[in-house]
Amino acid sequence: MAFTRINSKMVEAQLLPGRRLFSQRGAMLAYRGQVTFTPNIQGGQGGIGSMIGRRVANEATPLMTVEGQGSVMFGHGGHHVHTIDLSGDTLYVEADRLLAFEGSLQQGTMFMGSQGGVMGVIRGQVTGQGLFTTTLKGQGAVAVMAHGGVIELPISPQRPVHVDPQAYVAHRGEVRNKLSTALGWRDMVGRGSGEAFQLELSGQGTVYVQASEEKL
């Protein structure tokens, strides 16, 4: 089961018996067939442990369990939607960015300091993301939301990527990230561009960047 793009702000998912997906509450726009929507209290496939972890981490965006046979169309707030197919790797993404994802994926949370140390913690505070982020691991599809569309930038040991923290959406793979400063004399005299911080991502993977510095 994968997501099919209807337009830049809507996707459609095909449901089969015995398979489920999870969506952000309020994200269902329309559906066909015999489909049920149930409030999810267990934090996705991660179970009770995932639910507790998400609540402690303030990553407890309400989810719906979607089951049955038919097709469901998703969208939310007029945001652009981007789909990501995972093949056994891990996606790191803010919970409020998640539109929908397949039930085959394992959901959890990650402490920001584990990817970037102290600067990782500072990054969470500077960007408003907090101290934790959501992880999705396994094989399956994810639909995420962004402002103005998303571009995928490959990350390699030879070519790290620097991203404006406000434009960051998600990343996947074996990636290290840290917040670095870009202070120059213009910043010191109050004439800087305002982009004094950069998110540096290195390793092997992909980073997803939106065409805006606006949070959802």
N, C-alpha and C. Protein backbone atom coordinates (compact mmCIF):
# COMPACT_ATOMS: atom_id res chain seq x y z
N MET A 1 0.85 -1.19 0.00
CA MET A 1 0.00 0.00 0.00
C MET A 1 0.88 1.23 0.00
N ALA A 2 0.63 2.11 -0.92
CA ALA A 2 1.41 3.34 -0.99
C ALA A 2 0.46 4.51 -1.21
N PHE A 3 0.99 5.70 -1.03
CA PHE A 3 0.19 6.89 -1.25
C PHE A 3 0.33 7.35 -2.70
N THR A 4 -0.82 7.71 -3.29
CA THR A 4 -0.85 8.24 -4.65
C THR A 4 -1.15 9.73 -4.58
N ARG A 5 -0.36 10.52 -5.28
CA ARG A 5 -0.52 11.96 -5.27
C ARG A 5 -1.73 12.37 -6.11
N ILE A 6 -2.67 13.08 -5.51
CA ILE A 6 -3.81 13.62 -6.25
C ILE A 6 -3.46 15.00 -6.78
N ASN A 7 -2.95 15.85 -5.91
CA ASN A 7 -2.36 17.12 -6.31
C ASN A 7 -1.32 17.48 -5.24
N SER A 8 -0.81 18.69 -5.25
CA SER A 8 0.28 19.02 -4.34
C SER A 8 -0.13 19.03 -2.88
N LYS A 9 -1.46 19.00 -2.60
CA LYS A 9 -1.92 19.11 -1.22
C LYS A 9 -2.82 17.96 -0.79
N MET A 10 -2.93 16.93 -1.64
CA MET A 10 -3.78 15.79 -1.32
C MET A 10 -3.13 14.50 -1.81
N VAL A 11 -3.28 13.43 -0.99
CA VAL A 11 -2.83 12.11 -1.41
C VAL A 11 -3.96 11.11 -1.15
N GLU A 12 -3.87 9.98 -1.82
CA GLU A 12 -4.87 8.92 -1.66
C GLU A 12 -4.16 7.63 -1.30
N ALA A 13 -4.75 6.87 -0.38
CA ALA A 13 -4.19 5.59 0.04
C ALA A 13 -5.21 4.48 -0.20
N GLN A 14 -4.73 3.34 -0.70
CA GLN A 14 -5.57 2.17 -0.90
C GLN A 14 -5.49 1.28 0.33
N LEU A 15 -6.64 0.90 0.86
CA LEU A 15 -6.72 0.05 2.05
C LEU A 15 -7.16 -1.36 1.68
N LEU A 16 -6.51 -2.36 2.30
CA LEU A 16 -6.87 -3.75 2.10
C LEU A 16 -7.15 -4.38 3.46
N PRO A 17 -8.00 -5.40 3.52
CA PRO A 17 -8.28 -6.06 4.80
C PRO A 17 -7.01 -6.59 5.44
N GLY A 18 -6.90 -6.42 6.76
CA GLY A 18 -5.73 -6.90 7.48
C GLY A 18 -4.56 -5.94 7.50
N ARG A 19 -4.68 -4.84 6.79
CA ARG A 19 -3.62 -3.83 6.79
C ARG A 19 -4.21 -2.51 7.28
N ARG A 20 -3.40 -1.73 7.96
CA ARG A 20 -3.90 -0.48 8.53
C ARG A 20 -2.92 0.64 8.26
N LEU A 21 -3.41 1.83 8.47
CA LEU A 21 -2.52 2.99 8.47
C LEU A 21 -2.96 3.92 9.58
N PHE A 22 -2.10 4.86 9.89
CA PHE A 22 -2.38 5.86 10.91
C PHE A 22 -2.34 7.24 10.27
N SER A 23 -3.25 8.10 10.71
CA SER A 23 -3.29 9.46 10.17
C SER A 23 -3.48 10.45 11.30
N GLN A 24 -3.09 11.68 11.03
CA GLN A 24 -3.37 12.75 11.98
C GLN A 24 -4.88 12.96 12.03
N ARG A 25 -5.42 13.18 13.23
CA ARG A 25 -6.86 13.38 13.33
C ARG A 25 -7.27 14.63 12.56
N GLY A 26 -8.35 14.51 11.82
CA GLY A 26 -8.82 15.62 11.01
C GLY A 26 -8.23 15.66 9.63
N ALA A 27 -7.38 14.66 9.28
CA ALA A 27 -6.70 14.68 7.98
C ALA A 27 -7.51 13.99 6.88
N MET A 28 -8.54 13.21 7.25
CA MET A 28 -9.35 12.53 6.23
C MET A 28 -10.22 13.54 5.50
N LEU A 29 -10.13 13.55 4.18
CA LEU A 29 -10.93 14.45 3.36
C LEU A 29 -12.13 13.75 2.74
N ALA A 30 -11.92 12.51 2.32
CA ALA A 30 -13.01 11.74 1.69
C ALA A 30 -12.55 10.28 1.62
N TYR A 31 -13.52 9.37 1.47
CA TYR A 31 -13.13 7.97 1.30
C TYR A 31 -14.19 7.22 0.51
N ARG A 32 -13.78 6.07 -0.04
CA ARG A 32 -14.68 5.15 -0.73
C ARG A 32 -14.54 3.78 -0.10
N GLY A 33 -15.65 3.01 -0.05
CA GLY A 33 -15.59 1.66 0.45
C GLY A 33 -15.94 1.55 1.92
N GLN A 34 -15.60 0.39 2.50
CA GLN A 34 -15.89 0.10 3.89
C GLN A 34 -14.65 0.42 4.73
N VAL A 35 -14.61 1.62 5.27
CA VAL A 35 -13.44 2.09 6.00
C VAL A 35 -13.87 2.57 7.38
N THR A 36 -13.08 2.23 8.40
CA THR A 36 -13.36 2.67 9.75
C THR A 36 -12.22 3.55 10.27
N PHE A 37 -12.57 4.51 11.12
CA PHE A 37 -11.61 5.43 11.72
C PHE A 37 -11.76 5.36 13.23
N THR A 38 -10.69 5.03 13.93
CA THR A 38 -10.74 4.84 15.38
C THR A 38 -9.65 5.68 16.04
N PRO A 39 -10.00 6.46 17.07
CA PRO A 39 -8.95 7.20 17.80
C PRO A 39 -7.90 6.24 18.32
N ASN A 40 -6.64 6.56 18.11
CA ASN A 40 -5.55 5.68 18.51
C ASN A 40 -4.95 6.16 19.83
N ILE A 41 -4.88 5.27 20.83
CA ILE A 41 -4.34 5.64 22.13
C ILE A 41 -3.03 4.92 22.43
N GLN A 42 -2.50 4.17 21.45
CA GLN A 42 -1.30 3.38 21.71
C GLN A 42 -0.08 3.87 20.95
N GLY A 43 -0.16 5.05 20.32
CA GLY A 43 1.03 5.60 19.69
C GLY A 43 1.52 4.84 18.49
N GLY A 44 0.59 4.39 17.61
CA GLY A 44 1.02 3.67 16.42
C GLY A 44 1.45 2.26 16.78
N GLN A 45 2.31 1.66 15.93
CA GLN A 45 2.73 0.30 16.13
C GLN A 45 3.63 0.15 17.35
N GLY A 46 4.16 1.28 17.86
CA GLY A 46 5.05 1.23 19.01
C GLY A 46 4.37 0.83 20.30
N GLY A 47 3.03 0.81 20.33
CA GLY A 47 2.31 0.37 21.50
C GLY A 47 2.32 1.38 22.63
N ILE A 48 2.04 0.86 23.85
CA ILE A 48 1.93 1.73 25.02
C ILE A 48 3.24 2.46 25.29
N GLY A 49 4.37 1.78 25.10
CA GLY A 49 5.66 2.42 25.32
C GLY A 49 5.85 3.61 24.43
N SER A 50 5.42 3.48 23.18
CA SER A 50 5.53 4.60 22.25
C SER A 50 4.62 5.73 22.67
N MET A 51 3.41 5.39 23.12
CA MET A 51 2.46 6.42 23.54
C MET A 51 3.04 7.22 24.71
N ILE A 52 3.57 6.51 25.72
CA ILE A 52 4.13 7.19 26.89
C ILE A 52 5.31 8.05 26.47
N GLY A 53 6.18 7.49 25.64
CA GLY A 53 7.34 8.24 25.19
C GLY A 53 6.95 9.49 24.43
N ARG A 54 5.92 9.38 23.60
CA ARG A 54 5.49 10.53 22.81
C ARG A 54 4.89 11.60 23.71
N ARG A 55 4.17 11.21 24.72
CA ARG A 55 3.56 12.19 25.62
C ARG A 55 4.63 12.89 26.47
N VAL A 56 5.56 12.12 26.99
CA VAL A 56 6.64 12.72 27.77
C VAL A 56 7.44 13.69 26.90
N ALA A 57 7.63 13.33 25.63
CA ALA A 57 8.42 14.15 24.72
C ALA A 57 7.60 15.26 24.08
N ASN A 58 6.33 15.38 24.46
CA ASN A 58 5.44 16.38 23.87
C ASN A 58 5.30 16.16 22.36
N GLU A 59 5.35 14.87 21.95
CA GLU A 59 5.22 14.52 20.55
C GLU A 59 3.90 13.77 20.33
N ALA A 60 2.92 14.02 21.18
CA ALA A 60 1.70 13.23 21.16
C ALA A 60 0.62 13.84 20.28
N THR A 61 0.95 14.08 19.01
CA THR A 61 -0.06 14.54 18.07
C THR A 61 -1.13 13.46 17.93
N PRO A 62 -2.42 13.77 18.11
CA PRO A 62 -3.47 12.75 18.07
C PRO A 62 -3.50 12.02 16.73
N LEU A 63 -3.63 10.68 16.82
CA LEU A 63 -3.66 9.85 15.63
C LEU A 63 -4.99 9.12 15.51
N MET A 64 -5.32 8.74 14.28
CA MET A 64 -6.46 7.88 14.00
C MET A 64 -5.94 6.59 13.38
N THR A 65 -6.51 5.46 13.78
CA THR A 65 -6.25 4.19 13.11
C THR A 65 -7.27 4.04 11.98
N VAL A 66 -6.79 3.77 10.77
CA VAL A 66 -7.65 3.66 9.60
C VAL A 66 -7.56 2.23 9.08
N GLU A 67 -8.72 1.55 9.00
CA GLU A 67 -8.76 0.15 8.58
C GLU A 67 -9.94 -0.09 7.66
N GLY A 68 -9.90 -1.24 6.96
CA GLY A 68 -11.01 -1.62 6.10
C GLY A 68 -10.58 -1.94 4.70
N GLN A 69 -11.49 -1.73 3.76
CA GLN A 69 -11.20 -1.95 2.34
C GLN A 69 -11.79 -0.80 1.54
N GLY A 70 -10.93 -0.11 0.81
CA GLY A 70 -11.37 1.03 0.02
C GLY A 70 -10.22 1.99 -0.21
N SER A 71 -10.53 3.23 -0.41
CA SER A 71 -9.51 4.25 -0.63
C SER A 71 -9.86 5.48 0.22
N VAL A 72 -8.81 6.13 0.73
CA VAL A 72 -8.98 7.29 1.60
C VAL A 72 -8.12 8.43 1.08
N MET A 73 -8.70 9.63 1.04
CA MET A 73 -7.96 10.82 0.61
C MET A 73 -7.61 11.66 1.84
N PHE A 74 -6.34 12.08 1.89
CA PHE A 74 -5.83 12.82 3.04
C PHE A 74 -5.27 14.19 2.63
N GLY A 75 -5.44 15.15 3.52
CA GLY A 75 -4.86 16.47 3.37
C GLY A 75 -5.15 17.22 4.67
N HIS A 76 -4.42 18.32 4.91
CA HIS A 76 -4.65 19.01 6.18
C HIS A 76 -4.17 20.45 6.09
N GLY A 77 -5.06 21.37 6.38
CA GLY A 77 -4.68 22.78 6.50
C GLY A 77 -4.20 23.43 5.22
N GLY A 78 -4.41 22.79 4.08
CA GLY A 78 -3.92 23.34 2.83
C GLY A 78 -2.41 23.24 2.67
N HIS A 79 -1.74 22.44 3.53
CA HIS A 79 -0.29 22.29 3.44
C HIS A 79 0.09 21.40 2.26
N HIS A 80 1.26 21.64 1.71
CA HIS A 80 1.79 20.75 0.68
C HIS A 80 2.12 19.40 1.31
N VAL A 81 1.93 18.33 0.54
CA VAL A 81 2.15 16.97 1.02
C VAL A 81 3.27 16.33 0.21
N HIS A 82 4.17 15.66 0.91
CA HIS A 82 5.29 14.97 0.27
C HIS A 82 5.31 13.54 0.79
N THR A 83 5.48 12.56 -0.09
CA THR A 83 5.49 11.16 0.31
C THR A 83 6.92 10.62 0.33
N ILE A 84 7.18 9.77 1.30
CA ILE A 84 8.51 9.17 1.49
C ILE A 84 8.33 7.67 1.65
N ASP A 85 9.07 6.87 0.88
CA ASP A 85 9.03 5.41 0.98
C ASP A 85 10.26 4.93 1.74
N LEU A 86 10.03 4.29 2.88
CA LEU A 86 11.12 3.74 3.68
C LEU A 86 11.33 2.27 3.35
N SER A 87 12.58 1.85 3.31
CA SER A 87 12.91 0.46 2.98
C SER A 87 13.82 -0.14 4.04
N GLY A 88 13.37 -0.05 5.29
CA GLY A 88 14.13 -0.61 6.39
C GLY A 88 14.93 0.41 7.16
N ASP A 89 15.01 1.64 6.68
CA ASP A 89 15.75 2.68 7.37
C ASP A 89 14.83 3.48 8.28
N THR A 90 15.34 4.56 8.86
CA THR A 90 14.61 5.34 9.84
C THR A 90 14.41 6.77 9.36
N LEU A 91 13.20 7.27 9.54
CA LEU A 91 12.88 8.67 9.24
C LEU A 91 12.75 9.43 10.55
N TYR A 92 13.40 10.60 10.63
CA TYR A 92 13.31 11.48 11.79
C TYR A 92 12.48 12.69 11.39
N VAL A 93 11.35 12.90 12.05
CA VAL A 93 10.41 13.93 11.62
C VAL A 93 9.60 14.43 12.82
N GLU A 94 9.22 15.70 12.79
CA GLU A 94 8.38 16.23 13.85
C GLU A 94 6.98 15.63 13.76
N ALA A 95 6.36 15.32 14.92
CA ALA A 95 5.06 14.66 14.94
C ALA A 95 3.99 15.46 14.21
N ASP A 96 4.03 16.80 14.34
CA ASP A 96 2.98 17.59 13.70
C ASP A 96 3.16 17.68 12.20
N ARG A 97 4.28 17.16 11.67
CA ARG A 97 4.49 17.10 10.22
C ARG A 97 3.84 15.88 9.60
N LEU A 98 3.51 14.88 10.42
CA LEU A 98 2.98 13.62 9.90
C LEU A 98 1.52 13.77 9.48
N LEU A 99 1.25 13.48 8.24
CA LEU A 99 -0.12 13.46 7.74
C LEU A 99 -0.69 12.05 7.88
N ALA A 100 0.04 11.06 7.39
CA ALA A 100 -0.38 9.67 7.48
C ALA A 100 0.83 8.77 7.23
N PHE A 101 0.75 7.54 7.78
CA PHE A 101 1.83 6.59 7.52
C PHE A 101 1.30 5.17 7.68
N GLU A 102 1.97 4.22 7.03
CA GLU A 102 1.53 2.84 7.04
C GLU A 102 1.76 2.19 8.40
N GLY A 103 0.86 1.29 8.77
CA GLY A 103 0.94 0.62 10.06
C GLY A 103 2.09 -0.34 10.18
N SER A 104 2.79 -0.64 9.09
CA SER A 104 3.95 -1.52 9.14
C SER A 104 5.16 -0.84 9.76
N LEU A 105 5.12 0.48 9.92
CA LEU A 105 6.25 1.23 10.44
C LEU A 105 6.21 1.30 11.97
N GLN A 106 7.38 1.17 12.58
CA GLN A 106 7.52 1.25 14.03
C GLN A 106 7.74 2.70 14.43
N GLN A 107 6.90 3.21 15.32
CA GLN A 107 7.00 4.61 15.73
C GLN A 107 7.67 4.72 17.09
N GLY A 108 8.49 5.75 17.26
CA GLY A 108 9.15 5.98 18.53
C GLY A 108 9.54 7.44 18.66
N THR A 109 10.36 7.75 19.68
CA THR A 109 10.87 9.10 19.88
C THR A 109 12.38 9.05 20.07
N MET A 110 13.05 10.14 19.75
CA MET A 110 14.50 10.23 19.91
C MET A 110 14.86 11.54 20.59
N PHE A 111 15.76 11.46 21.58
CA PHE A 111 16.27 12.64 22.25
C PHE A 111 17.20 13.39 21.32
N MET A 112 16.96 14.69 21.14
CA MET A 112 17.73 15.48 20.19
C MET A 112 19.23 15.46 20.49
N GLY A 113 19.58 15.34 21.78
CA GLY A 113 20.99 15.34 22.15
C GLY A 113 21.75 14.12 21.66
N SER A 114 21.03 13.04 21.28
CA SER A 114 21.70 11.84 20.80
C SER A 114 22.20 12.01 19.38
N GLN A 115 21.77 13.04 18.68
CA GLN A 115 22.27 13.35 17.35
C GLN A 115 22.71 14.81 17.33
N GLY A 116 23.85 15.07 17.93
CA GLY A 116 24.36 16.43 17.94
C GLY A 116 24.77 16.93 19.30
N GLY A 117 24.64 16.08 20.34
CA GLY A 117 25.09 16.48 21.66
C GLY A 117 24.39 17.71 22.17
N VAL A 118 25.15 18.55 22.86
CA VAL A 118 24.59 19.77 23.44
C VAL A 118 24.00 20.66 22.36
N MET A 119 24.68 20.74 21.20
CA MET A 119 24.17 21.58 20.13
C MET A 119 22.87 21.03 19.56
N GLY A 120 22.68 19.71 19.67
CA GLY A 120 21.41 19.14 19.25
C GLY A 120 20.28 19.59 20.14
N VAL A 121 20.56 19.67 21.44
CA VAL A 121 19.56 20.17 22.39
C VAL A 121 19.27 21.65 22.11
N ILE A 122 20.34 22.43 21.90
CA ILE A 122 20.16 23.85 21.60
C ILE A 122 19.36 24.02 20.32
N ARG A 123 19.62 23.15 19.35
CA ARG A 123 18.89 23.21 18.09
C ARG A 123 17.39 23.09 18.32
N GLY A 124 16.99 22.13 19.18
CA GLY A 124 15.58 21.95 19.46
C GLY A 124 14.95 23.18 20.06
N GLN A 125 15.71 23.89 20.90
CA GLN A 125 15.18 25.10 21.52
C GLN A 125 15.13 26.27 20.54
N VAL A 126 16.17 26.39 19.72
CA VAL A 126 16.22 27.49 18.74
C VAL A 126 15.11 27.37 17.70
N THR A 127 14.84 26.15 17.24
CA THR A 127 13.86 25.95 16.19
C THR A 127 12.45 25.77 16.72
N GLY A 128 12.31 25.63 18.04
CA GLY A 128 10.98 25.40 18.60
C GLY A 128 10.54 23.96 18.52
N GLN A 129 11.46 23.03 18.14
CA GLN A 129 11.11 21.63 18.01
C GLN A 129 11.12 20.89 19.34
N GLY A 130 11.70 21.50 20.37
CA GLY A 130 11.76 20.84 21.66
C GLY A 130 12.94 19.88 21.76
N LEU A 131 12.91 19.01 22.77
CA LEU A 131 14.03 18.13 23.05
C LEU A 131 13.93 16.77 22.39
N PHE A 132 12.80 16.45 21.80
CA PHE A 132 12.60 15.14 21.20
C PHE A 132 12.04 15.28 19.78
N THR A 133 12.23 14.24 18.99
CA THR A 133 11.62 14.19 17.67
C THR A 133 11.05 12.79 17.45
N THR A 134 10.17 12.63 16.49
CA THR A 134 9.53 11.35 16.22
C THR A 134 10.35 10.54 15.22
N THR A 135 10.39 9.22 15.41
CA THR A 135 11.07 8.33 14.48
C THR A 135 10.06 7.33 13.90
N LEU A 136 10.24 7.00 12.64
CA LEU A 136 9.47 5.95 11.98
C LEU A 136 10.48 5.02 11.31
N LYS A 137 10.39 3.73 11.61
CA LYS A 137 11.40 2.78 11.15
C LYS A 137 10.74 1.56 10.52
N GLY A 138 11.34 1.04 9.44
CA GLY A 138 10.85 -0.17 8.81
C GLY A 138 10.59 0.00 7.34
N GLN A 139 9.66 -0.76 6.83
CA GLN A 139 9.29 -0.69 5.42
C GLN A 139 7.87 -0.19 5.30
N GLY A 140 7.69 0.88 4.57
CA GLY A 140 6.37 1.46 4.40
C GLY A 140 6.46 2.90 3.92
N ALA A 141 5.30 3.49 3.69
CA ALA A 141 5.22 4.84 3.15
C ALA A 141 4.76 5.83 4.21
N VAL A 142 5.25 7.07 4.08
CA VAL A 142 4.90 8.16 4.99
C VAL A 142 4.50 9.36 4.15
N ALA A 143 3.47 10.08 4.58
CA ALA A 143 3.10 11.35 3.94
C ALA A 143 3.33 12.45 4.97
N VAL A 144 4.18 13.42 4.63
CA VAL A 144 4.50 14.51 5.54
C VAL A 144 4.00 15.83 4.95
N MET A 145 3.83 16.83 5.83
CA MET A 145 3.32 18.13 5.40
C MET A 145 4.43 19.18 5.48
N ALA A 146 4.32 20.18 4.58
CA ALA A 146 5.31 21.25 4.54
C ALA A 146 4.69 22.48 3.92
N HIS A 147 5.36 23.62 4.10
CA HIS A 147 4.96 24.86 3.45
C HIS A 147 5.70 25.00 2.13
N GLY A 148 4.95 25.18 1.05
CA GLY A 148 5.57 25.51 -0.23
C GLY A 148 6.25 24.37 -0.95
N GLY A 149 6.00 23.13 -0.56
CA GLY A 149 6.63 22.01 -1.23
C GLY A 149 7.95 21.61 -0.60
N VAL A 150 8.47 20.46 -1.02
CA VAL A 150 9.67 19.87 -0.41
C VAL A 150 10.67 19.47 -1.49
N ILE A 151 11.95 19.67 -1.21
CA ILE A 151 13.02 19.18 -2.06
C ILE A 151 13.84 18.19 -1.25
N GLU A 152 14.31 17.11 -1.91
CA GLU A 152 15.14 16.10 -1.28
C GLU A 152 16.60 16.37 -1.62
N LEU A 153 17.44 16.52 -0.61
CA LEU A 153 18.86 16.76 -0.83
C LEU A 153 19.67 15.58 -0.30
N PRO A 154 20.46 14.92 -1.17
CA PRO A 154 21.28 13.80 -0.71
C PRO A 154 22.42 14.27 0.18
N ILE A 155 22.74 13.46 1.18
CA ILE A 155 23.85 13.72 2.10
C ILE A 155 24.86 12.60 1.95
N SER A 156 26.12 12.94 1.80
CA SER A 156 27.19 11.95 1.72
C SER A 156 28.36 12.42 2.56
N PRO A 157 29.28 11.49 2.92
CA PRO A 157 30.45 11.90 3.71
C PRO A 157 31.26 13.00 3.03
N GLN A 158 31.25 13.00 1.72
CA GLN A 158 32.00 14.01 0.98
C GLN A 158 31.22 15.31 0.80
N ARG A 159 29.90 15.24 0.93
CA ARG A 159 29.08 16.42 0.68
C ARG A 159 28.03 16.60 1.78
N PRO A 160 28.43 17.12 2.93
CA PRO A 160 27.43 17.45 3.96
C PRO A 160 26.53 18.58 3.47
N VAL A 161 25.39 18.73 4.11
CA VAL A 161 24.41 19.73 3.71
C VAL A 161 24.13 20.67 4.88
N HIS A 162 24.08 21.96 4.62
CA HIS A 162 23.71 22.96 5.62
C HIS A 162 22.31 23.47 5.30
N VAL A 163 21.43 23.48 6.30
CA VAL A 163 20.02 23.83 6.10
C VAL A 163 19.61 24.89 7.11
N ASP A 164 18.80 25.81 6.69
CA ASP A 164 18.19 26.73 7.64
C ASP A 164 17.30 25.90 8.58
N PRO A 165 17.50 25.99 9.89
CA PRO A 165 16.71 25.15 10.81
C PRO A 165 15.20 25.29 10.64
N GLN A 166 14.74 26.48 10.26
CA GLN A 166 13.30 26.69 10.08
C GLN A 166 12.77 26.03 8.81
N ALA A 167 13.67 25.73 7.85
CA ALA A 167 13.25 25.10 6.60
C ALA A 167 13.36 23.58 6.65
N TYR A 168 13.95 23.06 7.72
CA TYR A 168 14.12 21.61 7.88
C TYR A 168 12.77 20.94 8.10
N VAL A 169 12.53 19.82 7.40
CA VAL A 169 11.30 19.04 7.57
C VAL A 169 11.58 17.69 8.21
N ALA A 170 12.56 16.95 7.67
CA ALA A 170 12.85 15.61 8.16
C ALA A 170 14.18 15.16 7.56
N HIS A 171 14.71 14.04 8.09
CA HIS A 171 15.85 13.41 7.44
C HIS A 171 15.79 11.90 7.68
N ARG A 172 16.56 11.17 6.89
CA ARG A 172 16.59 9.72 7.00
C ARG A 172 18.02 9.24 6.79
N GLY A 173 18.30 8.02 7.24
CA GLY A 173 19.60 7.42 7.02
C GLY A 173 20.53 7.57 8.21
N GLU A 174 21.79 7.22 7.98
CA GLU A 174 22.83 7.33 9.01
C GLU A 174 23.40 8.74 8.96
N VAL A 175 22.69 9.65 9.58
CA VAL A 175 23.01 11.08 9.48
C VAL A 175 23.28 11.66 10.86
N ARG A 176 24.34 12.43 10.96
CA ARG A 176 24.62 13.20 12.17
C ARG A 176 24.22 14.65 11.90
N ASN A 177 23.61 15.27 12.87
CA ASN A 177 23.22 16.67 12.67
C ASN A 177 23.62 17.50 13.88
N LYS A 178 24.02 18.70 13.61
CA LYS A 178 24.39 19.60 14.68
C LYS A 178 24.08 21.03 14.26
N LEU A 179 23.87 21.86 15.25
CA LEU A 179 23.60 23.27 15.00
C LEU A 179 24.92 24.02 15.04
N SER A 180 25.19 24.77 13.98
CA SER A 180 26.42 25.57 13.93
C SER A 180 26.06 27.03 13.78
N THR A 181 26.96 27.88 14.20
CA THR A 181 26.73 29.32 14.11
C THR A 181 27.44 29.88 12.90
N ALA A 182 26.87 30.95 12.36
CA ALA A 182 27.45 31.61 11.18
C ALA A 182 27.53 33.10 11.46
N LEU A 183 28.09 33.43 12.62
CA LEU A 183 28.16 34.83 13.02
C LEU A 183 29.33 35.54 12.33
N GLY A 184 29.05 36.66 11.75
CA GLY A 184 30.08 37.48 11.12
C GLY A 184 29.99 38.90 11.66
N TRP A 185 30.81 39.78 11.12
CA TRP A 185 30.82 41.14 11.64
C TRP A 185 29.49 41.84 11.43
N ARG A 186 28.76 41.49 10.35
CA ARG A 186 27.45 42.11 10.12
C ARG A 186 26.46 41.72 11.21
N ASP A 187 26.55 40.44 11.66
CA ASP A 187 25.67 40.02 12.75
C ASP A 187 26.02 40.77 14.03
N MET A 188 27.30 41.00 14.24
CA MET A 188 27.74 41.66 15.47
C MET A 188 27.24 43.10 15.56
N VAL A 189 27.09 43.78 14.41
CA VAL A 189 26.63 45.17 14.43
C VAL A 189 25.14 45.27 14.14
N GLY A 190 24.45 44.11 14.10
CA GLY A 190 23.00 44.15 13.97
C GLY A 190 22.49 44.28 12.55
N ARG A 191 23.33 43.93 11.56
CA ARG A 191 22.90 44.05 10.17
C ARG A 191 22.87 42.70 9.47
N GLY A 192 22.83 41.65 10.25
CA GLY A 192 22.86 40.33 9.64
C GLY A 192 21.54 39.96 8.99
N SER A 193 21.56 38.85 8.25
CA SER A 193 20.37 38.38 7.55
C SER A 193 19.39 37.71 8.48
N GLY A 194 19.82 37.44 9.73
CA GLY A 194 18.95 36.72 10.65
C GLY A 194 19.20 35.24 10.65
N GLU A 195 20.02 34.74 9.69
CA GLU A 195 20.31 33.32 9.59
C GLU A 195 21.64 33.02 10.29
N ALA A 196 21.68 33.31 11.59
CA ALA A 196 22.91 33.13 12.36
C ALA A 196 23.18 31.67 12.68
N PHE A 197 22.15 30.82 12.60
CA PHE A 197 22.31 29.40 12.88
C PHE A 197 22.06 28.58 11.62
N GLN A 198 22.84 27.52 11.48
CA GLN A 198 22.66 26.58 10.38
C GLN A 198 22.61 25.18 10.94
N LEU A 199 21.81 24.31 10.32
CA LEU A 199 21.77 22.91 10.70
C LEU A 199 22.68 22.15 9.74
N GLU A 200 23.74 21.58 10.28
CA GLU A 200 24.71 20.85 9.46
C GLU A 200 24.43 19.36 9.55
N LEU A 201 24.18 18.72 8.41
CA LEU A 201 23.89 17.29 8.37
C LEU A 201 24.98 16.59 7.58
N SER A 202 25.57 15.56 8.19
CA SER A 202 26.66 14.83 7.55
C SER A 202 26.43 13.33 7.71
N GLY A 203 27.11 12.54 6.90
CA GLY A 203 26.94 11.10 6.94
C GLY A 203 26.42 10.58 5.62
N GLN A 204 25.43 9.68 5.68
CA GLN A 204 24.86 9.09 4.47
C GLN A 204 23.35 9.05 4.60
N GLY A 205 22.65 9.79 3.75
CA GLY A 205 21.19 9.79 3.82
C GLY A 205 20.58 10.89 2.99
N THR A 206 19.43 11.39 3.45
CA THR A 206 18.67 12.40 2.73
C THR A 206 18.05 13.36 3.72
N VAL A 207 18.03 14.65 3.38
CA VAL A 207 17.32 15.63 4.18
C VAL A 207 16.22 16.23 3.33
N TYR A 208 15.08 16.49 3.95
CA TYR A 208 13.91 17.05 3.26
C TYR A 208 13.74 18.50 3.72
N VAL A 209 13.72 19.41 2.76
CA VAL A 209 13.72 20.84 3.04
C VAL A 209 12.50 21.48 2.39
N GLN A 210 11.78 22.31 3.15
CA GLN A 210 10.61 23.00 2.60
C GLN A 210 11.00 24.36 2.05
N ALA A 211 10.14 24.87 1.17
CA ALA A 211 10.41 26.15 0.51
C ALA A 211 9.86 27.32 1.33
N SER A 212 10.12 27.28 2.63
CA SER A 212 9.61 28.31 3.52
C SER A 212 10.31 28.20 4.86
N GLU A 213 10.34 29.28 5.62
CA GLU A 213 10.87 29.24 6.98
C GLU A 213 9.75 29.27 8.01
N GLU A 214 8.55 28.96 7.57
CA GLU A 214 7.37 29.01 8.43
C GLU A 214 7.09 27.64 9.03
N LYS A 215 6.84 27.62 10.35
CA LYS A 215 6.46 26.39 11.02
C LYS A 215 5.00 26.08 10.77
N LEU A 216 4.63 24.79 10.92
CA LEU A 216 3.24 24.41 10.76
C LEU A 216 2.43 24.90 11.94
